[in-house]
Amino acid sequence: MLILCFAVPSFGERVIMTKEKGSFLRSLELITTINANYDERSKMLTVLFYGNYGEVVVSVEDEQGNTVHWDFIYVTMRSEISVPLKSISAGRYKLSITVVGESPMEGWFEAD
């Protein structure tokens, strides 16, 4: 399993991102250029990009595969997306980050 990124806020949970099985990681740069964290107190998911990725899809799904958030953004150096998740119920959620034309990076986090 490749660990691509993580961050640990004071009152939150790190989101560990992995590439899909069978995909080819062309650069180790991805390991340090995306950080994602979920803050339990504010119910906010924050994704920080430290690279120029271009067109990116950011989505959050519950364990049943229902999409609770979806965004299409253009990522430049030091872009940030904050995803308010105040309306989600307690459970496990999957964060997927897909650079258009690439395999998705995925990570799971728990919401209380």
PDB file of N, CA and C in Angstrom:
ATOM      1  N   MET A   1       0.845  -1.165   0.000  1.00  0.00           N
ATOM      2  CA  MET A   1       0.000   0.000   0.000  1.00  0.00           C
ATOM      3  C   MET A   1       0.896   1.235   0.000  1.00  0.00           C
ATOM      4  N   LEU A   2       0.650   2.161  -0.882  1.00  0.00           N
ATOM      5  CA  LEU A   2       1.398   3.403  -0.938  1.00  0.00           C
ATOM      6  C   LEU A   2       0.675   4.465  -0.133  1.00  0.00           C
ATOM      7  N   ILE A   3       1.376   5.110   0.765  1.00  0.00           N
ATOM      8  CA  ILE A   3       0.773   6.224   1.500  1.00  0.00           C
ATOM      9  C   ILE A   3       1.108   7.487   0.733  1.00  0.00           C
ATOM     10  N   LEU A   4       0.065   8.211   0.319  1.00  0.00           N
ATOM     11  CA  LEU A   4       0.299   9.384  -0.494  1.00  0.00           C
ATOM     12  C   LEU A   4       0.252  10.680   0.288  1.00  0.00           C
ATOM     13  N   CYS A   5      -0.542  10.746   1.337  1.00  0.00           N
ATOM     14  CA  CYS A   5      -0.543  11.982   2.097  1.00  0.00           C
ATOM     15  C   CYS A   5      -1.290  11.817   3.388  1.00  0.00           C
ATOM     16  N   PHE A   6      -0.978  12.679   4.340  1.00  0.00           N
ATOM     17  CA  PHE A   6      -1.757  12.736   5.555  1.00  0.00           C
ATOM     18  C   PHE A   6      -1.415  14.002   6.319  1.00  0.00           C
ATOM     19  N   ALA A   7      -2.355  14.414   7.144  1.00  0.00           N
ATOM     20  CA  ALA A   7      -2.139  15.545   8.037  1.00  0.00           C
ATOM     21  C   ALA A   7      -2.959  15.288   9.295  1.00  0.00           C
ATOM     22  N   VAL A   8      -2.469  15.729  10.425  1.00  0.00           N
ATOM     23  CA  VAL A   8      -3.186  15.491  11.669  1.00  0.00           C
ATOM     24  C   VAL A   8      -3.461  16.821  12.362  1.00  0.00           C
ATOM     25  N   PRO A   9      -4.704  17.312  12.333  1.00  0.00           N
ATOM     26  CA  PRO A   9      -5.026  18.528  13.066  1.00  0.00           C
ATOM     27  C   PRO A   9      -5.225  18.206  14.546  1.00  0.00           C
ATOM     28  N   SER A  10      -5.327  19.220  15.379  1.00  0.00           N
ATOM     29  CA  SER A  10      -5.454  19.016  16.824  1.00  0.00           C
ATOM     30  C   SER A  10      -6.683  18.196  17.194  1.00  0.00           C
ATOM     31  N   PHE A  11      -7.828  18.495  16.621  1.00  0.00           N
ATOM     32  CA  PHE A  11      -9.061  17.791  16.950  1.00  0.00           C
ATOM     33  C   PHE A  11      -9.646  17.177  15.697  1.00  0.00           C
ATOM     34  N   GLY A  12      -8.875  16.426  14.994  1.00  0.00           N
ATOM     35  CA  GLY A  12      -9.352  15.857  13.747  1.00  0.00           C
ATOM     36  C   GLY A  12      -8.761  14.499  13.487  1.00  0.00           C
ATOM     37  N   GLU A  13      -8.930  14.072  12.263  1.00  0.00           N
ATOM     38  CA  GLU A  13      -8.481  12.752  11.856  1.00  0.00           C
ATOM     39  C   GLU A  13      -7.725  12.879  10.557  1.00  0.00           C
ATOM     40  N   ARG A  14      -6.622  12.163  10.463  1.00  0.00           N
ATOM     41  CA  ARG A  14      -5.881  12.189   9.209  1.00  0.00           C
ATOM     42  C   ARG A  14      -6.594  11.329   8.185  1.00  0.00           C
ATOM     43  N   VAL A  15      -6.465  11.702   6.948  1.00  0.00           N
ATOM     44  CA  VAL A  15      -7.019  10.922   5.847  1.00  0.00           C
ATOM     45  C   VAL A  15      -5.826  10.410   5.053  1.00  0.00           C
ATOM     46  N   ILE A  16      -5.633   9.101   5.052  1.00  0.00           N
ATOM     47  CA  ILE A  16      -4.507   8.520   4.322  1.00  0.00           C
ATOM     48  C   ILE A  16      -4.986   8.176   2.919  1.00  0.00           C
ATOM     49  N   MET A  17      -4.313   8.705   1.926  1.00  0.00           N
ATOM     50  CA  MET A  17      -4.695   8.521   0.530  1.00  0.00           C
ATOM     51  C   MET A  17      -3.852   7.406  -0.091  1.00  0.00           C
ATOM     52  N   THR A  18      -4.493   6.540  -0.882  1.00  0.00           N
ATOM     53  CA  THR A  18      -3.781   5.483  -1.590  1.00  0.00           C
ATOM     54  C   THR A  18      -4.216   5.465  -3.050  1.00  0.00           C
ATOM     55  N   LYS A  19      -3.333   4.989  -3.914  1.00  0.00           N
ATOM     56  CA  LYS A  19      -3.674   4.811  -5.321  1.00  0.00           C
ATOM     57  C   LYS A  19      -4.412   3.498  -5.471  1.00  0.00           C
ATOM     58  N   GLU A  20      -5.288   3.403  -6.490  1.00  0.00           N
ATOM     59  CA  GLU A  20      -5.971   2.144  -6.770  1.00  0.00           C
ATOM     60  C   GLU A  20      -4.967   1.056  -7.099  1.00  0.00           C
ATOM     61  N   LYS A  21      -5.321  -0.184  -6.776  1.00  0.00           N
ATOM     62  CA  LYS A  21      -4.459  -1.317  -7.118  1.00  0.00           C
ATOM     63  C   LYS A  21      -4.266  -1.367  -8.629  1.00  0.00           C
ATOM     64  N   GLY A  22      -3.062  -1.689  -9.029  1.00  0.00           N
ATOM     65  CA  GLY A  22      -2.776  -1.833 -10.444  1.00  0.00           C
ATOM     66  C   GLY A  22      -2.405  -0.526 -11.121  1.00  0.00           C
ATOM     67  N   SER A  23      -2.523   0.602 -10.420  1.00  0.00           N
ATOM     68  CA  SER A  23      -2.142   1.856 -11.062  1.00  0.00           C
ATOM     69  C   SER A  23      -0.644   2.065 -10.872  1.00  0.00           C
ATOM     70  N   PHE A  24      -0.075   2.871 -11.702  1.00  0.00           N
ATOM     71  CA  PHE A  24       1.365   3.092 -11.680  1.00  0.00           C
ATOM     72  C   PHE A  24       1.638   4.497 -11.177  1.00  0.00           C
ATOM     73  N   LEU A  25       2.384   4.592 -10.085  1.00  0.00           N
ATOM     74  CA  LEU A  25       2.752   5.885  -9.534  1.00  0.00           C
ATOM     75  C   LEU A  25       4.019   6.342 -10.236  1.00  0.00           C
ATOM     76  N   ARG A  26       3.914   7.394 -11.039  1.00  0.00           N
ATOM     77  CA  ARG A  26       5.034   7.840 -11.846  1.00  0.00           C
ATOM     78  C   ARG A  26       5.993   8.740 -11.091  1.00  0.00           C
ATOM     79  N   SER A  27       5.550   9.338 -10.005  1.00  0.00           N
ATOM     80  CA  SER A  27       6.393  10.293  -9.320  1.00  0.00           C
ATOM     81  C   SER A  27       6.140  10.230  -7.825  1.00  0.00           C
ATOM     82  N   LEU A  28       7.196  10.245  -7.053  1.00  0.00           N
ATOM     83  CA  LEU A  28       7.055  10.273  -5.600  1.00  0.00           C
ATOM     84  C   LEU A  28       6.612  11.649  -5.118  1.00  0.00           C
ATOM     85  N   GLU A  29       6.592  12.616  -6.014  1.00  0.00           N
ATOM     86  CA  GLU A  29       6.167  13.975  -5.661  1.00  0.00           C
ATOM     87  C   GLU A  29       4.755  13.978  -5.087  1.00  0.00           C
ATOM     88  N   LEU A  30       3.877  13.095  -5.541  1.00  0.00           N
ATOM     89  CA  LEU A  30       2.510  13.037  -5.036  1.00  0.00           C
ATOM     90  C   LEU A  30       2.456  12.729  -3.546  1.00  0.00           C
ATOM     91  N   ILE A  31       3.489  12.090  -3.028  1.00  0.00           N
ATOM     92  CA  ILE A  31       3.481  11.714  -1.622  1.00  0.00           C
ATOM     93  C   ILE A  31       3.410  12.943  -0.722  1.00  0.00           C
ATOM     94  N   THR A  32       3.999  14.034  -1.122  1.00  0.00           N
ATOM     95  CA  THR A  32       4.043  15.205  -0.257  1.00  0.00           C
ATOM     96  C   THR A  32       3.277  16.403  -0.796  1.00  0.00           C
ATOM     97  N   THR A  33       2.555  16.247  -1.878  1.00  0.00           N
ATOM     98  CA  THR A  33       1.945  17.430  -2.472  1.00  0.00           C
ATOM     99  C   THR A  33       0.439  17.535  -2.295  1.00  0.00           C
ATOM    100  N   ILE A  34      -0.170  16.586  -1.600  1.00  0.00           N
ATOM    101  CA  ILE A  34      -1.597  16.677  -1.277  1.00  0.00           C
ATOM    102  C   ILE A  34      -1.769  16.289   0.188  1.00  0.00           C
ATOM    103  N   ASN A  35      -2.420  17.152   0.955  1.00  0.00           N
ATOM    104  CA  ASN A  35      -2.744  16.846   2.353  1.00  0.00           C
ATOM    105  C   ASN A  35      -4.243  16.957   2.529  1.00  0.00           C
ATOM    106  N   ALA A  36      -4.814  15.999   3.239  1.00  0.00           N
ATOM    107  CA  ALA A  36      -6.253  16.033   3.515  1.00  0.00           C
ATOM    108  C   ALA A  36      -6.461  15.796   4.998  1.00  0.00           C
ATOM    109  N   ASN A  37      -7.321  16.592   5.621  1.00  0.00           N
ATOM    110  CA  ASN A  37      -7.680  16.341   7.008  1.00  0.00           C
ATOM    111  C   ASN A  37      -9.135  16.675   7.273  1.00  0.00           C
ATOM    112  N   TYR A  38      -9.701  15.919   8.215  1.00  0.00           N
ATOM    113  CA  TYR A  38     -11.092  16.094   8.609  1.00  0.00           C
ATOM    114  C   TYR A  38     -11.106  16.577  10.048  1.00  0.00           C
ATOM    115  N   ASP A  39     -11.739  17.714  10.300  1.00  0.00           N
ATOM    116  CA  ASP A  39     -11.833  18.302  11.623  1.00  0.00           C
ATOM    117  C   ASP A  39     -13.183  17.945  12.235  1.00  0.00           C
ATOM    118  N   GLU A  40     -13.163  17.158  13.314  1.00  0.00           N
ATOM    119  CA  GLU A  40     -14.389  16.708  13.981  1.00  0.00           C
ATOM    120  C   GLU A  40     -15.195  17.873  14.541  1.00  0.00           C
ATOM    121  N   ARG A  41     -14.502  18.860  15.107  1.00  0.00           N
ATOM    122  CA  ARG A  41     -15.216  19.974  15.736  1.00  0.00           C
ATOM    123  C   ARG A  41     -16.031  20.784  14.739  1.00  0.00           C
ATOM    124  N   SER A  42     -15.426  21.140  13.628  1.00  0.00           N
ATOM    125  CA  SER A  42     -16.116  21.981  12.644  1.00  0.00           C
ATOM    126  C   SER A  42     -16.830  21.168  11.574  1.00  0.00           C
ATOM    127  N   LYS A  43     -16.617  19.836  11.563  1.00  0.00           N
ATOM    128  CA  LYS A  43     -17.173  18.959  10.521  1.00  0.00           C
ATOM    129  C   LYS A  43     -16.741  19.452   9.136  1.00  0.00           C
ATOM    130  N   MET A  44     -15.452  19.813   9.023  1.00  0.00           N
ATOM    131  CA  MET A  44     -14.910  20.364   7.788  1.00  0.00           C
ATOM    132  C   MET A  44     -13.774  19.468   7.296  1.00  0.00           C
ATOM    133  N   LEU A  45     -13.850  19.111   6.019  1.00  0.00           N
ATOM    134  CA  LEU A  45     -12.786  18.372   5.346  1.00  0.00           C
ATOM    135  C   LEU A  45     -11.998  19.385   4.529  1.00  0.00           C
ATOM    136  N   THR A  46     -10.692  19.414   4.726  1.00  0.00           N
ATOM    137  CA  THR A  46      -9.842  20.355   4.002  1.00  0.00           C
ATOM    138  C   THR A  46      -8.816  19.579   3.197  1.00  0.00           C
ATOM    139  N   VAL A  47      -8.691  19.929   1.923  1.00  0.00           N
ATOM    140  CA  VAL A  47      -7.697  19.307   1.053  1.00  0.00           C
ATOM    141  C   VAL A  47      -6.789  20.421   0.537  1.00  0.00           C
ATOM    142  N   LEU A  48      -5.494  20.254   0.770  1.00  0.00           N
ATOM    143  CA  LEU A  48      -4.498  21.228   0.330  1.00  0.00           C
ATOM    144  C   LEU A  48      -3.657  20.599  -0.771  1.00  0.00           C
ATOM    145  N   PHE A  49      -3.503  21.310  -1.856  1.00  0.00           N
ATOM    146  CA  PHE A  49      -2.718  20.834  -2.999  1.00  0.00           C
ATOM    147  C   PHE A  49      -1.461  21.689  -3.118  1.00  0.00           C
ATOM    148  N   TYR A  50      -0.306  21.049  -3.166  1.00  0.00           N
ATOM    149  CA  TYR A  50       0.952  21.761  -3.285  1.00  0.00           C
ATOM    150  C   TYR A  50       1.605  21.507  -4.641  1.00  0.00           C
ATOM    151  N   GLY A  51       0.781  21.312  -5.652  1.00  0.00           N
ATOM    152  CA  GLY A  51       1.282  21.090  -7.003  1.00  0.00           C
ATOM    153  C   GLY A  51       0.277  21.598  -8.015  1.00  0.00           C
ATOM    154  N   ASN A  52       0.708  21.760  -9.233  1.00  0.00           N
ATOM    155  CA  ASN A  52      -0.176  22.171 -10.326  1.00  0.00           C
ATOM    156  C   ASN A  52      -0.766  20.918 -10.962  1.00  0.00           C
ATOM    157  N   TYR A  53      -1.986  20.573 -10.588  1.00  0.00           N
ATOM    158  CA  TYR A  53      -2.616  19.354 -11.081  1.00  0.00           C
ATOM    159  C   TYR A  53      -3.609  19.594 -12.209  1.00  0.00           C
ATOM    160  N   GLY A  54      -4.036  20.818 -12.395  1.00  0.00           N
ATOM    161  CA  GLY A  54      -5.025  21.092 -13.426  1.00  0.00           C
ATOM    162  C   GLY A  54      -6.412  20.690 -12.969  1.00  0.00           C
ATOM    163  N   GLU A  55      -7.167  20.018 -13.828  1.00  0.00           N
ATOM    164  CA  GLU A  55      -8.552  19.647 -13.525  1.00  0.00           C
ATOM    165  C   GLU A  55      -8.605  18.444 -12.589  1.00  0.00           C
ATOM    166  N   VAL A  56      -9.340  18.620 -11.478  1.00  0.00           N
ATOM    167  CA  VAL A  56      -9.397  17.605 -10.427  1.00  0.00           C
ATOM    168  C   VAL A  56     -10.844  17.443  -9.969  1.00  0.00           C
ATOM    169  N   VAL A  57     -11.240  16.205  -9.722  1.00  0.00           N
ATOM    170  CA  VAL A  57     -12.543  15.913  -9.129  1.00  0.00           C
ATOM    171  C   VAL A  57     -12.304  15.479  -7.687  1.00  0.00           C
ATOM    172  N   VAL A  58     -13.004  16.139  -6.755  1.00  0.00           N
ATOM    173  CA  VAL A  58     -12.940  15.793  -5.336  1.00  0.00           C
ATOM    174  C   VAL A  58     -14.326  15.321  -4.935  1.00  0.00           C
ATOM    175  N   SER A  59     -14.423  14.088  -4.418  1.00  0.00           N
ATOM    176  CA  SER A  59     -15.738  13.584  -4.016  1.00  0.00           C
ATOM    177  C   SER A  59     -15.652  12.870  -2.676  1.00  0.00           C
ATOM    178  N   VAL A  60     -16.789  12.867  -1.965  1.00  0.00           N
ATOM    179  CA  VAL A  60     -16.919  12.163  -0.696  1.00  0.00           C
ATOM    180  C   VAL A  60     -18.142  11.263  -0.810  1.00  0.00           C
ATOM    181  N   GLU A  61     -17.967   9.992  -0.458  1.00  0.00           N
ATOM    182  CA  GLU A  61     -19.063   9.013  -0.497  1.00  0.00           C
ATOM    183  C   GLU A  61     -19.201   8.348   0.858  1.00  0.00           C
ATOM    184  N   ASP A  62     -20.439   7.941   1.191  1.00  0.00           N
ATOM    185  CA  ASP A  62     -20.637   7.157   2.405  1.00  0.00           C
ATOM    186  C   ASP A  62     -20.305   5.694   2.105  1.00  0.00           C
ATOM    187  N   GLU A  63     -20.427   4.828   3.100  1.00  0.00           N
ATOM    188  CA  GLU A  63     -20.063   3.416   2.921  1.00  0.00           C
ATOM    189  C   GLU A  63     -20.944   2.693   1.917  1.00  0.00           C
ATOM    190  N   GLN A  64     -22.149   3.189   1.687  1.00  0.00           N
ATOM    191  CA  GLN A  64     -23.053   2.577   0.709  1.00  0.00           C
ATOM    192  C   GLN A  64     -22.787   3.073  -0.710  1.00  0.00           C
ATOM    193  N   GLY A  65     -21.846   3.988  -0.885  1.00  0.00           N
ATOM    194  CA  GLY A  65     -21.518   4.504  -2.204  1.00  0.00           C
ATOM    195  C   GLY A  65     -22.315   5.726  -2.619  1.00  0.00           C
ATOM    196  N   ASN A  66     -23.109   6.282  -1.702  1.00  0.00           N
ATOM    197  CA  ASN A  66     -23.875   7.497  -2.003  1.00  0.00           C
ATOM    198  C   ASN A  66     -22.957   8.713  -1.937  1.00  0.00           C
ATOM    199  N   THR A  67     -22.996   9.540  -2.958  1.00  0.00           N
ATOM    200  CA  THR A  67     -22.167  10.736  -2.992  1.00  0.00           C
ATOM    201  C   THR A  67     -22.765  11.806  -2.094  1.00  0.00           C
ATOM    202  N   VAL A  68     -21.957  12.291  -1.134  1.00  0.00           N
ATOM    203  CA  VAL A  68     -22.425  13.351  -0.242  1.00  0.00           C
ATOM    204  C   VAL A  68     -21.797  14.691  -0.603  1.00  0.00           C
ATOM    205  N   HIS A  69     -20.727  14.656  -1.406  1.00  0.00           N
ATOM    206  CA  HIS A  69     -20.110  15.893  -1.914  1.00  0.00           C
ATOM    207  C   HIS A  69     -19.369  15.566  -3.203  1.00  0.00           C
ATOM    208  N   TRP A  70     -19.428  16.520  -4.155  1.00  0.00           N
ATOM    209  CA  TRP A  70     -18.718  16.369  -5.428  1.00  0.00           C
ATOM    210  C   TRP A  70     -18.313  17.757  -5.898  1.00  0.00           C
ATOM    211  N   ASP A  71     -17.061  17.920  -6.271  1.00  0.00           N
ATOM    212  CA  ASP A  71     -16.554  19.198  -6.774  1.00  0.00           C
ATOM    213  C   ASP A  71     -15.609  18.953  -7.933  1.00  0.00           C
ATOM    214  N   PHE A  72     -15.709  19.794  -8.942  1.00  0.00           N
ATOM    215  CA  PHE A  72     -14.761  19.796 -10.060  1.00  0.00           C
ATOM    216  C   PHE A  72     -14.016  21.108  -9.957  1.00  0.00           C
ATOM    217  N   ILE A  73     -12.697  21.046  -9.735  1.00  0.00           N
ATOM    218  CA  ILE A  73     -11.925  22.266  -9.539  1.00  0.00           C
ATOM    219  C   ILE A  73     -10.686  22.262 -10.420  1.00  0.00           C
ATOM    220  N   TYR A  74     -10.131  23.439 -10.615  1.00  0.00           N
ATOM    221  CA  TYR A  74      -8.864  23.582 -11.319  1.00  0.00           C
ATOM    222  C   TYR A  74      -7.811  23.889 -10.265  1.00  0.00           C
ATOM    223  N   VAL A  75      -6.830  23.004 -10.129  1.00  0.00           N
ATOM    224  CA  VAL A  75      -5.844  23.107  -9.060  1.00  0.00           C
ATOM    225  C   VAL A  75      -4.542  23.696  -9.580  1.00  0.00           C
ATOM    226  N   THR A  76      -4.138  24.779  -8.936  1.00  0.00           N
ATOM    227  CA  THR A  76      -2.820  25.369  -9.177  1.00  0.00           C
ATOM    228  C   THR A  76      -2.016  25.233  -7.887  1.00  0.00           C
ATOM    229  N   MET A  77      -0.786  25.676  -7.899  1.00  0.00           N
ATOM    230  CA  MET A  77       0.089  25.579  -6.737  1.00  0.00           C
ATOM    231  C   MET A  77      -0.579  26.197  -5.511  1.00  0.00           C
ATOM    232  N   ARG A  78      -0.621  25.455  -4.428  1.00  0.00           N
ATOM    233  CA  ARG A  78      -1.177  25.870  -3.133  1.00  0.00           C
ATOM    234  C   ARG A  78      -2.677  26.120  -3.143  1.00  0.00           C
ATOM    235  N   SER A  79      -3.388  25.405  -3.985  1.00  0.00           N
ATOM    236  CA  SER A  79      -4.852  25.477  -3.968  1.00  0.00           C
ATOM    237  C   SER A  79      -5.374  24.755  -2.731  1.00  0.00           C
ATOM    238  N   GLU A  80      -6.541  25.178  -2.276  1.00  0.00           N
ATOM    239  CA  GLU A  80      -7.172  24.558  -1.111  1.00  0.00           C
ATOM    240  C   GLU A  80      -8.665  24.460  -1.360  1.00  0.00           C
ATOM    241  N   ILE A  81      -9.248  23.349  -0.930  1.00  0.00           N
ATOM    242  CA  ILE A  81     -10.701  23.207  -0.983  1.00  0.00           C
ATOM    243  C   ILE A  81     -11.166  22.807   0.411  1.00  0.00           C
ATOM    244  N   SER A  82     -12.187  23.504   0.892  1.00  0.00           N
ATOM    245  CA  SER A  82     -12.796  23.176   2.181  1.00  0.00           C
ATOM    246  C   SER A  82     -14.191  22.658   1.912  1.00  0.00           C
ATOM    247  N   VAL A  83     -14.489  21.492   2.456  1.00  0.00           N
ATOM    248  CA  VAL A  83     -15.761  20.828   2.211  1.00  0.00           C
ATOM    249  C   VAL A  83     -16.538  20.763   3.531  1.00  0.00           C
ATOM    250  N   PRO A  84     -17.607  21.565   3.670  1.00  0.00           N
ATOM    251  CA  PRO A  84     -18.412  21.487   4.887  1.00  0.00           C
ATOM    252  C   PRO A  84     -19.260  20.214   4.874  1.00  0.00           C
ATOM    253  N   LEU A  85     -19.149  19.429   5.933  1.00  0.00           N
ATOM    254  CA  LEU A  85     -19.881  18.159   6.014  1.00  0.00           C
ATOM    255  C   LEU A  85     -20.775  18.119   7.249  1.00  0.00           C
ATOM    256  N   LYS A  86     -21.373  19.240   7.590  1.00  0.00           N
ATOM    257  CA  LYS A  86     -22.208  19.357   8.786  1.00  0.00           C
ATOM    258  C   LYS A  86     -23.446  18.463   8.730  1.00  0.00           C
ATOM    259  N   SER A  87     -23.953  18.161   7.551  1.00  0.00           N
ATOM    260  CA  SER A  87     -25.201  17.407   7.436  1.00  0.00           C
ATOM    261  C   SER A  87     -25.007  15.888   7.375  1.00  0.00           C
ATOM    262  N   ILE A  88     -23.753  15.408   7.421  1.00  0.00           N
ATOM    263  CA  ILE A  88     -23.553  13.958   7.346  1.00  0.00           C
ATOM    264  C   ILE A  88     -23.786  13.315   8.708  1.00  0.00           C
ATOM    265  N   SER A  89     -24.218  12.068   8.682  1.00  0.00           N
ATOM    266  CA  SER A  89     -24.429  11.320   9.926  1.00  0.00           C
ATOM    267  C   SER A  89     -23.137  10.596  10.296  1.00  0.00           C
ATOM    268  N   ALA A  90     -23.109  10.065  11.497  1.00  0.00           N
ATOM    269  CA  ALA A  90     -21.936   9.324  11.956  1.00  0.00           C
ATOM    270  C   ALA A  90     -21.696   8.131  11.033  1.00  0.00           C
ATOM    271  N   GLY A  91     -20.447   7.857  10.758  1.00  0.00           N
ATOM    272  CA  GLY A  91     -20.108   6.725   9.901  1.00  0.00           C
ATOM    273  C   GLY A  91     -18.763   6.900   9.244  1.00  0.00           C
ATOM    274  N   ARG A  92     -18.498   6.016   8.314  1.00  0.00           N
ATOM    275  CA  ARG A  92     -17.230   5.987   7.581  1.00  0.00           C
ATOM    276  C   ARG A  92     -17.464   6.553   6.184  1.00  0.00           C
ATOM    277  N   TYR A  93     -16.530   7.404   5.725  1.00  0.00           N
ATOM    278  CA  TYR A  93     -16.666   8.071   4.434  1.00  0.00           C
ATOM    279  C   TYR A  93     -15.381   7.944   3.625  1.00  0.00           C
ATOM    280  N   LYS A  94     -15.543   7.873   2.308  1.00  0.00           N
ATOM    281  CA  LYS A  94     -14.405   7.758   1.399  1.00  0.00           C
ATOM    282  C   LYS A  94     -14.188   9.080   0.681  1.00  0.00           C
ATOM    283  N   LEU A  95     -12.964   9.586   0.760  1.00  0.00           N
ATOM    284  CA  LEU A  95     -12.549  10.759   0.002  1.00  0.00           C
ATOM    285  C   LEU A  95     -11.831  10.267  -1.242  1.00  0.00           C
ATOM    286  N   SER A  96     -12.257  10.729  -2.414  1.00  0.00           N
ATOM    287  CA  SER A  96     -11.583  10.391  -3.670  1.00  0.00           C
ATOM    288  C   SER A  96     -11.110  11.676  -4.330  1.00  0.00           C
ATOM    289  N   ILE A  97      -9.862  11.677  -4.749  1.00  0.00           N
ATOM    290  CA  ILE A  97      -9.286  12.800  -5.480  1.00  0.00           C
ATOM    291  C   ILE A  97      -8.793  12.239  -6.799  1.00  0.00           C
ATOM    292  N   THR A  98      -9.354  12.750  -7.889  1.00  0.00           N
ATOM    293  CA  THR A  98      -8.998  12.242  -9.215  1.00  0.00           C
ATOM    294  C   THR A  98      -8.509  13.374 -10.091  1.00  0.00           C
ATOM    295  N   VAL A  99      -7.250  13.320 -10.458  1.00  0.00           N
ATOM    296  CA  VAL A  99      -6.724  14.236 -11.469  1.00  0.00           C
ATOM    297  C   VAL A  99      -7.246  13.707 -12.793  1.00  0.00           C
ATOM    298  N   VAL A 100      -7.886  14.564 -13.590  1.00  0.00           N
ATOM    299  CA  VAL A 100      -8.500  14.120 -14.844  1.00  0.00           C
ATOM    300  C   VAL A 100      -7.473  13.367 -15.688  1.00  0.00           C
ATOM    301  N   GLY A 101      -7.854  12.152 -16.086  1.00  0.00           N
ATOM    302  CA  GLY A 101      -6.984  11.303 -16.899  1.00  0.00           C
ATOM    303  C   GLY A 101      -6.080  10.388 -16.090  1.00  0.00           C
ATOM    304  N   GLU A 102      -6.148  10.449 -14.762  1.00  0.00           N
ATOM    305  CA  GLU A 102      -5.305   9.633 -13.888  1.00  0.00           C
ATOM    306  C   GLU A 102      -6.176   8.705 -13.038  1.00  0.00           C
ATOM    307  N   SER A 103      -5.552   7.767 -12.369  1.00  0.00           N
ATOM    308  CA  SER A 103      -6.258   6.899 -11.413  1.00  0.00           C
ATOM    309  C   SER A 103      -6.588   7.694 -10.159  1.00  0.00           C
ATOM    310  N   PRO A 104      -7.728   7.411  -9.527  1.00  0.00           N
ATOM    311  CA  PRO A 104      -8.076   8.158  -8.310  1.00  0.00           C
ATOM    312  C   PRO A 104      -7.199   7.790  -7.125  1.00  0.00           C
ATOM    313  N   MET A 105      -7.023   8.751  -6.213  1.00  0.00           N
ATOM    314  CA  MET A 105      -6.412   8.514  -4.916  1.00  0.00           C
ATOM    315  C   MET A 105      -7.566   8.488  -3.934  1.00  0.00           C
ATOM    316  N   GLU A 106      -7.567   7.549  -3.017  1.00  0.00           N
ATOM    317  CA  GLU A 106      -8.689   7.389  -2.110  1.00  0.00           C
ATOM    318  C   GLU A 106      -8.217   7.231  -0.671  1.00  0.00           C
ATOM    319  N   GLY A 107      -9.042   7.706   0.244  1.00  0.00           N
ATOM    320  CA  GLY A 107      -8.763   7.561   1.666  1.00  0.00           C
ATOM    321  C   GLY A 107     -10.086   7.549   2.423  1.00  0.00           C
ATOM    322  N   TRP A 108     -10.081   6.932   3.600  1.00  0.00           N
ATOM    323  CA  TRP A 108     -11.293   6.823   4.413  1.00  0.00           C
ATOM    324  C   TRP A 108     -11.131   7.632   5.683  1.00  0.00           C
ATOM    325  N   PHE A 109     -12.243   8.185   6.188  1.00  0.00           N
ATOM    326  CA  PHE A 109     -12.250   8.863   7.484  1.00  0.00           C
ATOM    327  C   PHE A 109     -13.558   8.596   8.179  1.00  0.00           C
ATOM    328  N   GLU A 110     -13.554   8.756   9.505  1.00  0.00           N
ATOM    329  CA  GLU A 110     -14.743   8.517  10.332  1.00  0.00           C
ATOM    330  C   GLU A 110     -15.344   9.850  10.761  1.00  0.00           C
ATOM    331  N   ALA A 111     -16.663   9.930  10.759  1.00  0.00           N
ATOM    332  CA  ALA A 111     -17.381  11.088  11.282  1.00  0.00           C
ATOM    333  C   ALA A 111     -18.217  10.613  12.465  1.00  0.00           C
ATOM    334  N   ASP A 112     -18.164  11.364  13.552  1.00  0.00           N
ATOM    335  CA  ASP A 112     -18.946  11.012  14.751  1.00  0.00           C
ATOM    336  C   ASP A 112     -20.212  11.813  14.826  1.00  0.00           C
TER     337      ASP A 112
END
